[in-house]
Amino acid sequence: RSISRYFRGADVVLESAKTPPMYPGGQLAFENYLRKSVNLSVPFARKCPPGIYTIMIRFHINQQGQIANLGAESGAGYGLEEEVMRCILTNKETWQPARNVNNETVSYATRQMVVFVVEKQDVSIRFKN
């Protein structure tokens, strides 16, 4: 029986599951997608001073493997959160949804941390899980 039946068909979002959701190709493929897609000129266009900026984006992977309820949990500013959210939203890949102990697909809340390293004339990003 589905857990949703106890909530009258509402989409129940879990933060743990027997099998978490997976981007096609895995976490490294997702990070590579972001690495290729993030516009590294955004910090310069927004006059971001040199420094290390850690941002956290949260989102849900629903039972169909689609991204929903995207938002920033950090507040670094300079358009950094918005740029990563833009990239996540424009990705049309379908994730493998999470599965509970009964092997049913479930909605799952996840986060992606991205670290922007802004130098005087260069910007790079790296990832932490």
Protein backbone atom coordinates (compact mmCIF):
# COMPACT_ATOMS: atom_id res chain seq x y z
CA ARG A 1 0.00 0.00 0.00
CA SER A 2 1.20 3.48 -0.84
CA ILE A 3 1.98 5.94 1.94
CA SER A 4 0.04 8.57 -0.05
CA ARG A 5 -3.24 6.77 0.72
CA TYR A 6 -2.91 7.95 4.32
CA PHE A 7 -2.75 11.54 3.08
CA ARG A 8 -5.68 11.35 0.64
CA GLY A 9 -3.48 11.16 -2.44
CA ALA A 10 -1.29 14.14 -1.51
CA ASP A 11 2.30 14.08 -2.71
CA VAL A 12 4.26 13.03 0.38
CA VAL A 13 7.90 14.18 0.23
CA LEU A 14 10.50 12.12 2.07
CA GLU A 15 14.02 13.05 3.13
CA SER A 16 15.14 9.45 3.36
CA ALA A 17 14.30 6.40 1.28
CA LYS A 18 15.56 2.91 0.69
CA THR A 19 16.86 4.06 -2.68
CA PRO A 20 17.43 7.82 -3.17
CA PRO A 21 16.75 9.44 -6.55
CA MET A 22 19.48 9.32 -9.16
CA TYR A 23 20.30 11.64 -12.03
CA PRO A 24 20.94 9.72 -15.28
CA GLY A 25 24.60 8.71 -15.03
CA GLY A 26 24.76 9.47 -11.29
CA GLN A 27 25.89 12.39 -9.13
CA LEU A 28 29.08 12.97 -11.12
CA ALA A 29 27.05 13.34 -14.34
CA PHE A 30 24.79 15.90 -12.61
CA GLU A 31 27.82 17.85 -11.40
CA ASN A 32 29.34 17.74 -14.90
CA TYR A 33 26.07 19.06 -16.33
CA LEU A 34 26.12 21.95 -13.85
CA ARG A 35 29.82 22.60 -14.49
CA LYS A 36 29.08 22.96 -18.24
CA SER A 37 25.85 24.92 -17.78
CA VAL A 38 26.56 27.49 -15.07
CA ASN A 39 27.37 30.86 -16.61
CA LEU A 40 30.62 31.80 -14.88
CA SER A 41 30.33 35.43 -15.99
CA VAL A 42 27.38 35.98 -13.61
CA PRO A 43 29.56 36.83 -10.58
CA PHE A 44 31.47 39.45 -12.62
CA ALA A 45 28.29 40.89 -14.13
CA ARG A 46 26.88 41.25 -10.60
CA LYS A 47 30.13 42.79 -9.26
CA CYS A 48 30.79 39.92 -6.87
CA PRO A 49 33.97 40.56 -4.84
CA PRO A 50 36.66 37.87 -4.74
CA GLY A 51 35.92 35.13 -2.24
CA ILE A 52 34.48 31.69 -1.70
CA TYR A 53 30.68 31.49 -1.84
CA THR A 54 28.90 28.32 -0.79
CA ILE A 55 25.34 28.02 -1.97
CA MET A 56 22.73 25.37 -1.22
CA ILE A 57 19.82 24.62 -3.53
CA ARG A 58 17.01 22.36 -2.38
CA PHE A 59 14.52 20.63 -4.63
CA HIS A 60 12.20 17.67 -4.77
CA ILE A 61 12.35 14.80 -7.21
CA ASN A 62 8.73 13.70 -7.60
CA GLN A 63 7.43 10.19 -8.24
CA GLN A 64 7.77 10.73 -12.00
CA GLY A 65 11.44 11.78 -11.69
CA GLN A 66 10.75 15.46 -12.36
CA ILE A 67 12.16 18.41 -10.40
CA ALA A 68 9.68 20.35 -8.27
CA ASN A 69 9.72 22.94 -5.47
CA LEU A 70 13.13 24.38 -6.26
CA GLY A 71 14.54 27.01 -3.91
CA ALA A 72 17.68 28.44 -2.36
CA GLU A 73 18.61 27.70 1.24
CA SER A 74 21.60 30.02 1.16
CA GLY A 75 21.81 33.73 0.61
CA ALA A 76 25.19 34.42 -0.97
CA GLY A 77 23.61 36.86 -3.40
CA TYR A 78 25.20 38.22 -6.57
CA GLY A 79 22.85 36.02 -8.64
CA LEU A 80 24.71 32.83 -7.72
CA GLU A 81 21.71 30.91 -6.37
CA GLU A 82 19.54 32.07 -9.25
CA GLU A 83 22.10 30.90 -11.81
CA VAL A 84 22.34 27.40 -10.36
CA MET A 85 18.54 27.19 -10.06
CA ARG A 86 18.22 28.28 -13.71
CA CYS A 87 20.52 25.44 -14.75
CA ILE A 88 18.67 22.87 -12.68
CA LEU A 89 15.31 23.98 -14.06
CA THR A 90 16.42 24.01 -17.70
CA ASN A 91 17.76 20.46 -17.48
CA LYS A 92 15.16 18.22 -19.09
CA GLU A 93 16.60 14.90 -17.92
CA THR A 94 14.26 12.64 -15.98
CA TRP A 95 15.70 11.40 -12.72
CA GLN A 96 15.24 7.87 -11.49
CA PRO A 97 12.79 8.51 -8.62
CA ALA A 98 13.44 7.42 -5.04
CA ARG A 99 11.94 4.17 -3.80
CA ASN A 100 10.68 3.27 -0.36
CA VAL A 101 11.06 -0.07 1.44
CA ASN A 102 8.06 -1.42 -0.51
CA ASN A 103 9.85 -0.53 -3.77
CA GLU A 104 7.23 2.14 -4.57
CA THR A 105 8.36 5.39 -6.16
CA VAL A 106 8.19 8.31 -3.73
CA SER A 107 8.85 12.04 -3.86
CA TYR A 108 12.16 12.94 -2.25
CA ALA A 109 13.67 16.18 -0.93
CA THR A 110 17.32 16.66 -1.85
CA ARG A 111 19.95 19.39 -1.89
CA GLN A 112 22.87 20.37 -4.08
CA MET A 113 25.77 22.38 -2.70
CA VAL A 114 27.83 24.43 -5.15
CA VAL A 115 30.93 26.37 -4.16
CA PHE A 116 31.86 29.38 -6.29
CA VAL A 117 35.50 30.42 -6.05
CA VAL A 118 35.66 33.99 -7.32
CA GLU A 119 39.08 35.47 -8.00
CA LYS A 120 39.96 38.81 -9.54
CA GLN A 121 39.87 37.50 -13.10
CA ASP A 122 38.61 33.94 -12.80
CA VAL A 123 35.66 31.97 -11.44
CA SER A 124 35.44 28.25 -10.82
CA ILE A 125 32.90 26.00 -9.19
CA ARG A 126 33.24 22.85 -7.17
CA PHE A 127 30.83 20.57 -5.41
CA LYS A 128 30.23 19.12 -1.98
CA ASN A 129 27.65 16.49 -1.13
